[in-house]
């Protein structure tokens, strides 16, 4: 079986070559992470488009919330569907299908003649967003070496942030009646690049082993690992873990030994939204205009939010591998909570004053930075890392559906909550959620930095405290 021995030895291989990560690994992460860029763009573009879309279509506050949030309803359905399809057809094929749906949804949104057709197109886009958010992190996690897995997976979140920044820039540059159609149409281009690029990439080696295609998995791993890497040993380790936990569906998620991992994956997914990030991303220009800021100032503040998201993505990508996943959350989430509290209190001051405006803007940027590093950089990483291989599809679907479900809750209640309890009251609730999230991380979340996916799963199988078992191992 020559494929299994490819790359198994180290004889004649220079030390530098043994440590050099093949370019294909970065291609896998870079191309598939375009799904994150589309995710960020299609969820973020509504922020700038809404200022003129609501006038062009005469939308009430409730109708604005529906147009914003229907993409999240689609994302929930897309995440569930992607998990099921990935078990049968593989990670790569699902991402290719996601790219096609992205292109169709963007074209339909740009051409929408009325509110009903726009809502339908946004739902289709949601299917693609849910599929990308579910499957791209899993695909990267299963292809990347443990040594650089964290930074490659956080590339997905960084691309989400880049997509949101591009969306804010487009919202500012294309502001005006009718400009929202061009904003939506621009998403077709990266969708085509994603689809074509994915056709040139390999399938997940772990999925191939799980489906008894070891020779093909060995050939893929030999291309994804440095020269001289022990491919045969990695194949055997994957096979042993897969054999110990046969492929399972939703019923297997109820097993007691899996509960700690599911609680963490679902909990972090929920808190990533409960801490308020998308209430700001979706509605910041609308909130600021209603608070007395001019349209141009509000849109430029949105661009600043996009810049902060990108900065947070870069810092987060470095922090999760150098500092660790758990420590990154514990270090930066307190800053997120404090900044949200300051912003809430600033809205209690004299409306329209220069001091209030600058306090709001600085606190807003600080919140985006700290929250982006503290939890947004980790949320797409932690789930695929800690859930077992046998249920990785349905388990990550559950976490992703939770994320989009809570995001939907935030999207359909943010403007209503502001009308009911004011901007200060709404933001203080989000600040409190930051505190609860810190307590959850401190009590439950283990450190997974530098651990192979198989070693994480073995620690989970031993029972007891998952966090302590992983620390001991």
Protein backbone atom coordinates (compact mmCIF):
# COMPACT_ATOMS: atom_id res chain seq x y z
CA UNK A 1 0.00 0.00 0.00
CA UNK A 2 2.43 2.71 -1.20
CA UNK A 3 0.03 5.58 -0.53
CA UNK A 4 0.14 4.93 3.20
CA UNK A 5 3.90 5.08 3.31
CA UNK A 6 4.10 8.33 1.38
CA UNK A 7 5.65 10.87 3.71
CA UNK A 8 5.90 8.28 6.51
CA UNK A 9 9.61 8.45 6.97
CA UNK A 10 12.12 11.25 7.48
CA UNK A 11 15.20 9.80 5.78
CA UNK A 12 16.88 12.25 3.46
CA UNK A 13 14.49 15.09 4.31
CA UNK A 14 16.06 18.33 5.50
CA UNK A 15 14.96 19.63 8.90
CA UNK A 16 13.62 22.84 7.32
CA UNK A 17 11.44 20.84 4.93
CA UNK A 18 10.03 18.76 7.79
CA UNK A 19 8.86 21.94 9.49
CA UNK A 20 7.57 23.70 6.38
CA UNK A 21 3.79 23.72 6.02
CA UNK A 22 2.79 22.88 2.42
CA UNK A 23 1.21 25.66 0.38
CA UNK A 24 -1.88 23.48 -0.13
CA UNK A 25 -2.79 23.85 3.56
CA UNK A 26 -2.92 27.63 3.17
CA UNK A 27 -4.85 27.25 -0.10
CA UNK A 28 -7.45 25.10 1.68
CA UNK A 29 -7.83 27.72 4.42
CA UNK A 30 -7.69 30.75 2.12
CA UNK A 31 -10.10 29.59 -0.56
CA UNK A 32 -12.68 28.04 1.76
CA UNK A 33 -12.51 31.09 4.04
CA UNK A 34 -14.03 33.10 1.16
CA UNK A 35 -17.23 31.57 2.53
CA UNK A 36 -16.53 33.69 5.61
CA UNK A 37 -16.07 36.82 3.50
CA UNK A 38 -19.44 36.20 1.83
CA UNK A 39 -20.99 35.48 5.23
CA UNK A 40 -19.67 38.81 6.56
CA UNK A 41 -20.62 40.79 3.47
CA UNK A 42 -24.15 39.45 3.11
CA UNK A 43 -24.96 39.88 6.81
CA UNK A 44 -23.22 43.27 7.07
CA UNK A 45 -24.38 44.95 3.85
CA UNK A 46 -27.90 45.38 5.21
CA UNK A 47 -26.55 47.89 7.74
CA UNK A 48 -25.75 50.50 5.09
CA UNK A 49 -28.45 49.43 2.66
CA UNK A 50 -31.19 49.78 5.27
CA UNK A 51 -30.85 53.57 5.57
CA UNK A 52 -32.10 54.01 1.98
CA UNK A 53 -33.94 50.73 1.55
CA UNK A 54 -36.39 51.72 4.29
CA UNK A 55 -37.17 54.95 2.42
CA UNK A 56 -37.38 53.36 -1.04
CA UNK A 57 -39.78 50.66 0.18
CA UNK A 58 -41.37 52.67 3.04
CA UNK A 59 -40.50 50.09 5.72
CA UNK A 60 -41.72 50.28 9.32
CA UNK A 61 -39.42 49.33 12.22
CA UNK A 62 -40.94 45.84 12.31
CA UNK A 63 -40.49 45.41 8.53
CA UNK A 64 -36.87 46.55 8.85
CA UNK A 65 -36.32 43.89 11.51
CA UNK A 66 -37.83 41.23 9.22
CA UNK A 67 -35.64 42.22 6.25
CA UNK A 68 -32.57 42.12 8.50
CA UNK A 69 -33.43 38.94 10.36
CA UNK A 70 -34.84 36.65 7.64
CA UNK A 71 -31.28 35.87 6.53
CA UNK A 72 -30.73 34.43 10.01
CA UNK A 73 -33.79 32.21 9.71
CA UNK A 74 -32.32 30.90 6.48
CA UNK A 75 -28.96 30.45 8.19
CA UNK A 76 -30.53 28.16 10.80
CA UNK A 77 -32.03 25.98 8.06
CA UNK A 78 -28.79 26.08 6.06
CA UNK A 79 -26.70 24.99 9.03
CA UNK A 80 -28.94 21.98 9.67
CA UNK A 81 -29.01 21.01 6.00
CA UNK A 82 -25.24 21.40 5.57
CA UNK A 83 -24.50 19.12 8.51
CA UNK A 84 -26.68 16.35 7.08
CA UNK A 85 -25.29 16.69 3.56
CA UNK A 86 -21.68 16.79 4.76
CA UNK A 87 -21.99 13.39 6.47
CA UNK A 88 -23.06 11.78 3.20
CA UNK A 89 -21.36 13.84 0.49
CA UNK A 90 -18.28 15.32 2.16
CA UNK A 91 -17.21 18.77 3.33
CA UNK A 92 -15.82 20.02 -0.01
CA UNK A 93 -18.95 19.32 -2.06
CA UNK A 94 -21.13 21.10 0.48
CA UNK A 95 -18.93 24.22 0.31
CA UNK A 96 -19.17 24.17 -3.51
CA UNK A 97 -22.97 24.01 -3.23
CA UNK A 98 -22.89 26.87 -0.73
CA UNK A 99 -21.02 29.03 -3.26
CA UNK A 100 -23.73 28.42 -5.88
CA UNK A 101 -26.48 29.38 -3.43
CA UNK A 102 -24.56 32.54 -2.44
CA UNK A 103 -24.44 33.64 -6.10
CA UNK A 104 -28.12 32.92 -6.74
CA UNK A 105 -29.27 34.66 -3.56
CA UNK A 106 -27.17 37.78 -4.19
CA UNK A 107 -28.46 38.11 -7.76
CA UNK A 108 -32.06 37.66 -6.60
CA UNK A 109 -31.70 40.29 -3.86
CA UNK A 110 -30.24 42.81 -6.30
CA UNK A 111 -33.13 42.31 -8.72
CA UNK A 112 -35.92 42.16 -6.09
CA UNK A 113 -38.95 44.21 -7.29
CA UNK A 114 -40.61 44.42 -3.88
CA UNK A 115 -40.39 43.65 -0.16
CA UNK A 116 -41.68 40.07 -0.50
CA UNK A 117 -39.15 39.07 -3.15
CA UNK A 118 -36.33 40.76 -1.22
CA UNK A 119 -37.26 38.81 1.91
CA UNK A 120 -37.28 35.58 -0.13
CA UNK A 121 -33.85 36.36 -1.62
CA UNK A 122 -32.44 37.17 1.82
CA UNK A 123 -33.72 33.81 3.06
CA UNK A 124 -31.86 32.05 0.22
CA UNK A 125 -28.72 33.97 1.15
CA UNK A 126 -29.27 32.77 4.71
CA UNK A 127 -29.15 29.14 3.54
CA UNK A 128 -25.68 29.82 2.14
CA UNK A 129 -24.54 31.77 5.21
CA UNK A 130 -25.62 28.90 7.50
CA UNK A 131 -23.93 26.31 5.31
CA UNK A 132 -20.68 28.29 5.17
CA UNK A 133 -20.61 29.02 8.91
CA UNK A 134 -21.19 25.34 9.67
CA UNK A 135 -18.94 23.65 7.14
CA UNK A 136 -15.96 25.92 6.41
CA UNK A 137 -14.52 25.79 9.98
CA UNK A 138 -14.97 22.00 10.04
CA UNK A 139 -13.25 21.63 6.67
CA UNK A 140 -10.27 23.75 7.79
CA UNK A 141 -10.03 22.01 11.18
CA UNK A 142 -9.93 18.56 9.60
CA UNK A 143 -7.28 19.53 7.04
CA UNK A 144 -4.93 21.69 9.14
CA UNK A 145 -1.98 20.44 11.24
CA UNK A 146 -2.54 20.88 15.00
CA UNK A 147 0.42 23.30 15.22
CA UNK A 148 -1.27 25.99 13.10
CA UNK A 149 -4.90 24.88 13.24
CA UNK A 150 -6.00 27.76 15.45
CA UNK A 151 -4.71 30.57 13.27
CA UNK A 152 -6.03 28.93 10.09
CA UNK A 153 -9.50 28.46 11.56
CA UNK A 154 -9.55 32.03 12.86
CA UNK A 155 -8.85 33.07 9.26
CA UNK A 156 -12.54 32.27 8.73
CA UNK A 157 -13.55 34.83 11.35
CA UNK A 158 -11.02 37.30 9.94
CA UNK A 159 -12.60 36.91 6.51
CA UNK A 160 -16.04 37.46 8.09
CA UNK A 161 -14.68 40.72 9.48
CA UNK A 162 -13.18 41.66 6.10
CA UNK A 163 -16.53 40.97 4.46
CA UNK A 164 -18.25 43.22 6.98
CA UNK A 165 -15.69 45.99 6.41
CA UNK A 166 -16.18 45.76 2.64
CA UNK A 167 -19.94 45.88 3.24
CA UNK A 168 -19.62 49.07 5.30
CA UNK A 169 -17.37 50.67 2.68
CA UNK A 170 -19.84 49.77 -0.06
CA UNK A 171 -22.69 51.12 2.06
CA UNK A 172 -20.86 54.44 2.41
CA UNK A 173 -19.68 54.64 -1.24
CA UNK A 174 -23.01 53.58 -2.76
CA UNK A 175 -25.28 55.52 -0.42
CA UNK A 176 -28.30 56.99 -2.11
CA UNK A 177 -31.61 55.80 -3.48
CA UNK A 178 -31.21 52.57 -5.45
CA UNK A 179 -27.58 52.02 -4.47
CA UNK A 180 -28.57 49.04 -2.34
CA UNK A 181 -29.15 46.94 -5.48
CA UNK A 182 -25.51 47.29 -6.49
CA UNK A 183 -24.48 46.51 -2.90
CA UNK A 184 -26.30 43.18 -3.03
CA UNK A 185 -25.11 42.32 -6.58
CA UNK A 186 -21.40 42.69 -5.76
CA UNK A 187 -21.51 39.49 -3.67
CA UNK A 188 -21.84 37.38 -6.83
CA UNK A 189 -18.14 37.84 -7.69
CA UNK A 190 -16.54 36.23 -4.59
CA UNK A 191 -19.19 33.50 -4.72
CA UNK A 192 -17.97 32.48 -8.18
CA UNK A 193 -14.34 32.53 -7.01
CA UNK A 194 -15.23 30.35 -4.01
CA UNK A 195 -17.05 27.77 -6.14
CA UNK A 196 -14.30 27.49 -8.76
CA UNK A 197 -11.55 27.44 -6.14
CA UNK A 198 -13.15 24.67 -4.09
CA UNK A 199 -13.28 22.42 -7.17
CA UNK A 200 -9.46 22.41 -7.13
CA UNK A 201 -9.08 21.44 -3.44
CA UNK A 202 -9.07 17.97 -1.80
CA UNK A 203 -11.72 16.42 0.44
CA UNK A 204 -11.24 16.35 4.22
CA UNK A 205 -8.86 13.45 5.06
CA UNK A 206 -10.80 12.68 8.24
CA UNK A 207 -14.05 12.36 6.29
CA UNK A 208 -12.29 10.03 3.83
CA UNK A 209 -11.00 7.80 6.66
CA UNK A 210 -14.44 7.78 8.24
CA UNK A 211 -15.82 6.47 4.92
CA UNK A 212 -13.13 3.78 4.61
CA UNK A 213 -11.20 5.53 1.84
CA UNK A 214 -7.81 5.32 3.54
CA UNK A 215 -5.66 5.26 0.41
CA UNK A 216 -7.22 8.49 -0.80
CA UNK A 217 -6.95 10.01 2.69
CA UNK A 218 -3.24 9.11 2.80
CA UNK A 219 -2.62 10.80 -0.56
CA UNK A 220 -4.43 13.92 0.65
CA UNK A 221 -2.55 13.99 3.97
CA UNK A 222 0.79 13.57 2.19
CA UNK A 223 -0.01 16.81 0.35
CA UNK A 224 -1.23 18.58 3.51
CA UNK A 225 1.70 17.69 5.81
CA UNK A 226 5.39 18.68 5.71
CA UNK A 227 7.80 16.42 3.86
CA UNK A 228 8.68 13.40 5.98
CA UNK A 229 5.61 13.65 8.23
CA UNK A 230 4.34 10.33 9.60
CA UNK A 231 1.18 10.15 7.50
CA UNK A 232 0.58 6.50 8.30
CA UNK A 233 0.52 7.18 12.04
CA UNK A 234 -1.98 10.03 11.62
CA UNK A 235 -4.20 7.83 9.45
CA UNK A 236 -4.14 5.09 12.09
CA UNK A 237 -4.91 7.56 14.89
CA UNK A 238 -7.90 8.94 12.98
CA UNK A 239 -9.08 5.41 12.18
CA UNK A 240 -8.80 4.29 15.81
CA UNK A 241 -10.87 7.21 17.07
CA UNK A 242 -13.42 6.74 14.27
CA UNK A 243 -13.68 3.00 15.05
CA UNK A 244 -14.17 3.68 18.76
CA UNK A 245 -17.02 6.07 17.98
CA UNK A 246 -18.84 4.94 14.81
CA UNK A 247 -20.53 7.53 12.63
CA UNK A 248 -23.58 8.80 14.48
CA UNK A 249 -26.50 11.07 13.93
CA UNK A 250 -28.62 13.32 16.10
CA UNK A 251 -29.56 10.53 18.52
CA UNK A 252 -25.92 9.98 19.48
CA UNK A 253 -25.69 13.58 20.72
CA UNK A 254 -27.66 12.49 23.81
CA UNK A 255 -24.84 10.27 25.07
CA UNK A 256 -23.65 11.37 28.50
CA UNK A 257 -19.93 11.49 27.67
CA UNK A 258 -20.54 13.97 24.83
CA UNK A 259 -22.48 16.46 26.94
CA UNK A 260 -19.53 18.57 28.18
CA UNK A 261 -18.34 19.23 24.62
CA UNK A 262 -21.86 20.01 23.40
CA UNK A 263 -22.50 22.36 26.33
CA UNK A 264 -19.32 24.30 25.53
CA UNK A 265 -19.93 24.43 21.77
CA UNK A 266 -23.56 25.51 22.17
CA UNK A 267 -22.81 27.86 25.08
CA UNK A 268 -20.05 29.76 23.30
CA UNK A 269 -22.22 29.95 20.17
CA UNK A 270 -25.07 31.50 22.17
CA UNK A 271 -22.87 33.95 24.09
CA UNK A 272 -21.18 35.13 20.89
CA UNK A 273 -24.56 36.75 20.06
CA UNK A 274 -25.98 37.46 23.53
CA UNK A 275 -23.01 39.76 24.20
CA UNK A 276 -24.50 42.11 21.60
CA UNK A 277 -22.12 42.11 18.64
CA UNK A 278 -24.68 41.87 15.85
CA UNK A 279 -27.09 44.35 17.39
CA UNK A 280 -24.25 46.78 16.76
CA UNK A 281 -23.20 45.40 13.35
CA UNK A 282 -26.76 45.35 11.94
CA UNK A 283 -28.19 48.51 13.45
CA UNK A 284 -25.34 50.88 14.38
CA UNK A 285 -25.97 53.42 11.57
CA UNK A 286 -29.74 53.31 12.22
CA UNK A 287 -29.26 53.70 15.99
CA UNK A 288 -26.78 56.55 15.54
CA UNK A 289 -28.98 58.42 13.02
CA UNK A 290 -31.96 58.13 15.36
CA UNK A 291 -29.74 59.43 18.20
CA UNK A 292 -28.97 62.62 16.28
CA UNK A 293 -25.89 61.67 14.24
CA UNK A 294 -25.95 62.69 10.56
CA UNK A 295 -26.26 60.02 7.84
CA UNK A 296 -22.66 60.48 6.67
CA UNK A 297 -21.26 60.36 10.22
CA UNK A 298 -23.27 57.24 10.98
CA UNK A 299 -22.06 55.46 7.82
CA UNK A 300 -18.44 56.48 8.46
CA UNK A 301 -18.79 55.15 12.01
CA UNK A 302 -19.93 51.91 10.38
CA UNK A 303 -16.71 51.85 8.36
CA UNK A 304 -14.82 52.32 11.62
CA UNK A 305 -16.69 49.33 13.05
CA UNK A 306 -15.57 47.28 10.05
CA UNK A 307 -11.94 48.33 10.59
CA UNK A 308 -12.16 47.33 14.26
CA UNK A 309 -13.59 43.93 13.25
CA UNK A 310 -10.63 43.34 10.94
CA UNK A 311 -8.11 44.45 13.59
CA UNK A 312 -9.83 42.16 16.09
CA UNK A 313 -9.66 39.30 13.58
CA UNK A 314 -5.90 39.77 13.07
CA UNK A 315 -5.16 40.05 16.81
CA UNK A 316 -7.48 37.12 17.54
CA UNK A 317 -5.75 34.95 14.93
CA UNK A 318 -2.43 35.55 16.70
CA UNK A 319 -3.82 35.27 20.22
CA UNK A 320 -5.63 31.92 19.93
CA UNK A 321 -2.37 30.09 19.07
CA UNK A 322 0.07 32.13 21.17
CA UNK A 323 -2.09 32.86 24.22
CA UNK A 324 -4.66 30.08 23.94
CA UNK A 325 -8.40 29.91 23.33
CA UNK A 326 -9.51 29.99 26.98
CA UNK A 327 -7.08 32.70 28.06
CA UNK A 328 -7.96 34.92 25.08
CA UNK A 329 -11.60 34.91 26.17
CA UNK A 330 -10.79 35.55 29.82
CA UNK A 331 -8.41 38.40 28.99
CA UNK A 332 -10.53 40.34 26.49
CA UNK A 333 -14.18 39.76 27.43
CA UNK A 334 -13.97 42.01 30.53
CA UNK A 335 -12.99 44.90 28.21
CA UNK A 336 -15.99 44.10 26.04
CA UNK A 337 -18.36 44.31 29.01
CA UNK A 338 -16.84 47.55 30.30
CA UNK A 339 -17.00 49.23 26.88
CA UNK A 340 -20.65 48.24 26.44
CA UNK A 341 -21.45 49.64 29.88
CA UNK A 342 -19.73 52.95 29.07
CA UNK A 343 -21.68 53.19 25.81
CA UNK A 344 -24.95 52.52 27.65
CA UNK A 345 -24.22 55.22 30.22
CA UNK A 346 -23.17 57.69 27.51
CA UNK A 347 -26.65 57.53 26.00
CA UNK A 348 -28.00 58.82 29.32
CA UNK A 349 -26.14 62.10 28.83
CA UNK A 350 -27.28 65.22 26.94
CA UNK A 351 -28.26 64.02 23.46
CA UNK A 352 -26.36 65.60 20.60
CA UNK A 353 -23.46 67.02 22.64
CA UNK A 354 -19.93 66.56 21.30
CA UNK A 355 -18.82 64.82 24.51
CA UNK A 356 -21.63 62.30 24.25
CA UNK A 357 -20.95 61.57 20.59
CA UNK A 358 -17.24 60.99 21.08
CA UNK A 359 -17.84 58.84 24.15
CA UNK A 360 -20.32 56.70 22.21
CA UNK A 361 -17.97 56.31 19.23
CA UNK A 362 -14.87 55.47 21.31
CA UNK A 363 -16.81 53.02 23.50
CA UNK A 364 -18.38 51.48 20.40
CA UNK A 365 -15.00 50.91 18.75
CA UNK A 366 -13.51 49.55 22.00
CA UNK A 367 -16.42 47.15 22.39
CA UNK A 368 -16.04 45.84 18.83
CA UNK A 369 -12.30 45.34 19.34
CA UNK A 370 -12.52 43.53 22.69
CA UNK A 371 -15.56 41.44 21.80
CA UNK A 372 -14.10 40.58 18.41
CA UNK A 373 -10.90 39.26 19.98
CA UNK A 374 -12.49 37.85 23.11
CA UNK A 375 -15.20 35.63 21.62
CA UNK A 376 -15.77 36.20 17.88
CA UNK A 377 -12.22 34.94 17.16
CA UNK A 378 -12.94 31.77 19.13
CA UNK A 379 -16.56 30.89 18.35
CA UNK A 380 -15.92 29.25 14.95
CA UNK A 381 -12.82 27.50 16.31
CA UNK A 382 -13.90 25.91 19.58
CA UNK A 383 -16.88 23.86 18.34
CA UNK A 384 -15.20 21.87 15.56
CA UNK A 385 -12.18 21.32 17.85
CA UNK A 386 -13.94 19.74 20.81
CA UNK A 387 -16.91 17.79 19.40
CA UNK A 388 -16.20 14.12 18.53
CA UNK A 389 -15.49 13.10 14.94
CA UNK A 390 -18.43 10.67 14.80
CA UNK A 391 -20.97 13.47 15.44
CA UNK A 392 -19.01 16.46 14.19
CA UNK A 393 -21.59 17.12 11.45
CA UNK A 394 -24.74 17.18 13.60
CA UNK A 395 -22.94 18.64 16.63
CA UNK A 396 -21.53 21.61 14.74
CA UNK A 397 -24.93 22.01 13.10
CA UNK A 398 -26.51 22.24 16.55
CA UNK A 399 -23.98 24.85 17.67
CA UNK A 400 -24.39 26.82 14.44
CA UNK A 401 -28.18 26.71 14.64
CA UNK A 402 -27.93 27.93 18.23
CA UNK A 403 -25.74 30.83 17.11
CA UNK A 404 -28.10 31.82 14.32
CA UNK A 405 -31.17 31.28 16.50
CA UNK A 406 -29.87 33.66 19.17
CA UNK A 407 -28.69 36.04 16.47
CA UNK A 408 -32.22 35.97 15.06
CA UNK A 409 -33.59 36.75 18.51
CA UNK A 410 -31.27 39.75 18.78
CA UNK A 411 -32.07 40.96 15.25
CA UNK A 412 -35.87 40.87 15.70
CA UNK A 413 -35.82 42.47 19.15
CA UNK A 414 -33.03 45.10 19.05
CA UNK A 415 -35.05 48.03 17.68
CA UNK A 416 -38.13 46.98 19.65
CA UNK A 417 -36.05 46.75 22.86
CA UNK A 418 -34.63 50.22 22.25
CA UNK A 419 -38.16 51.60 21.86
CA UNK A 420 -39.28 49.79 25.05
CA UNK A 421 -36.37 50.31 27.49
CA UNK A 422 -34.19 52.80 25.66
CA UNK A 423 -30.70 52.56 24.21
CA UNK A 424 -29.09 52.59 27.65
CA UNK A 425 -31.27 49.81 29.04
CA UNK A 426 -30.74 47.62 25.97
CA UNK A 427 -26.97 47.99 26.02
CA UNK A 428 -26.80 47.35 29.78
CA UNK A 429 -28.52 43.99 29.18
CA UNK A 430 -25.82 43.13 26.63
CA UNK A 431 -23.14 44.23 29.10
CA UNK A 432 -24.58 41.85 31.70
CA UNK A 433 -24.40 39.01 29.16
CA UNK A 434 -20.66 39.68 28.82
CA UNK A 435 -20.27 39.09 32.56
CA UNK A 436 -22.25 35.83 32.44
CA UNK A 437 -20.12 34.68 29.49
CA UNK A 438 -16.90 35.25 31.45
CA UNK A 439 -18.23 33.11 34.31
CA UNK A 440 -19.19 30.33 31.86
CA UNK A 441 -15.74 30.29 30.24
CA UNK A 442 -13.97 30.25 33.61
CA UNK A 443 -16.05 27.31 34.82
CA UNK A 444 -16.41 25.12 31.72
CA UNK A 445 -14.11 25.84 28.78
CA UNK A 446 -10.80 23.86 28.53
CA UNK A 447 -7.66 24.94 26.71
CA UNK A 448 -7.29 23.19 23.35
CA UNK A 449 -4.26 25.04 21.98
CA UNK A 450 -1.75 22.67 20.36
CA UNK A 451 -3.88 19.56 20.96
CA UNK A 452 -4.70 17.12 18.20
CA UNK A 453 -8.40 16.58 17.58
CA UNK A 454 -7.95 12.94 18.58
CA UNK A 455 -6.32 13.77 21.95
CA UNK A 456 -9.16 16.18 22.73
CA UNK A 457 -11.68 13.44 21.98
CA UNK A 458 -9.88 10.89 24.17
CA UNK A 459 -9.94 13.34 27.10
CA UNK A 460 -13.69 13.74 26.57
CA UNK A 461 -14.20 9.95 26.52
CA UNK A 462 -12.49 9.50 29.90
CA UNK A 463 -15.40 11.22 31.65
CA UNK A 464 -15.20 13.46 34.70
CA UNK A 465 -14.35 17.14 34.28
CA UNK A 466 -13.55 17.65 30.60
CA UNK A 467 -11.49 20.75 31.35
CA UNK A 468 -9.41 19.05 34.04
CA UNK A 469 -8.94 15.85 32.03
CA UNK A 470 -7.61 17.81 29.08
CA UNK A 471 -5.30 19.82 31.32
CA UNK A 472 -3.94 16.60 32.89
CA UNK A 473 -3.31 15.01 29.50
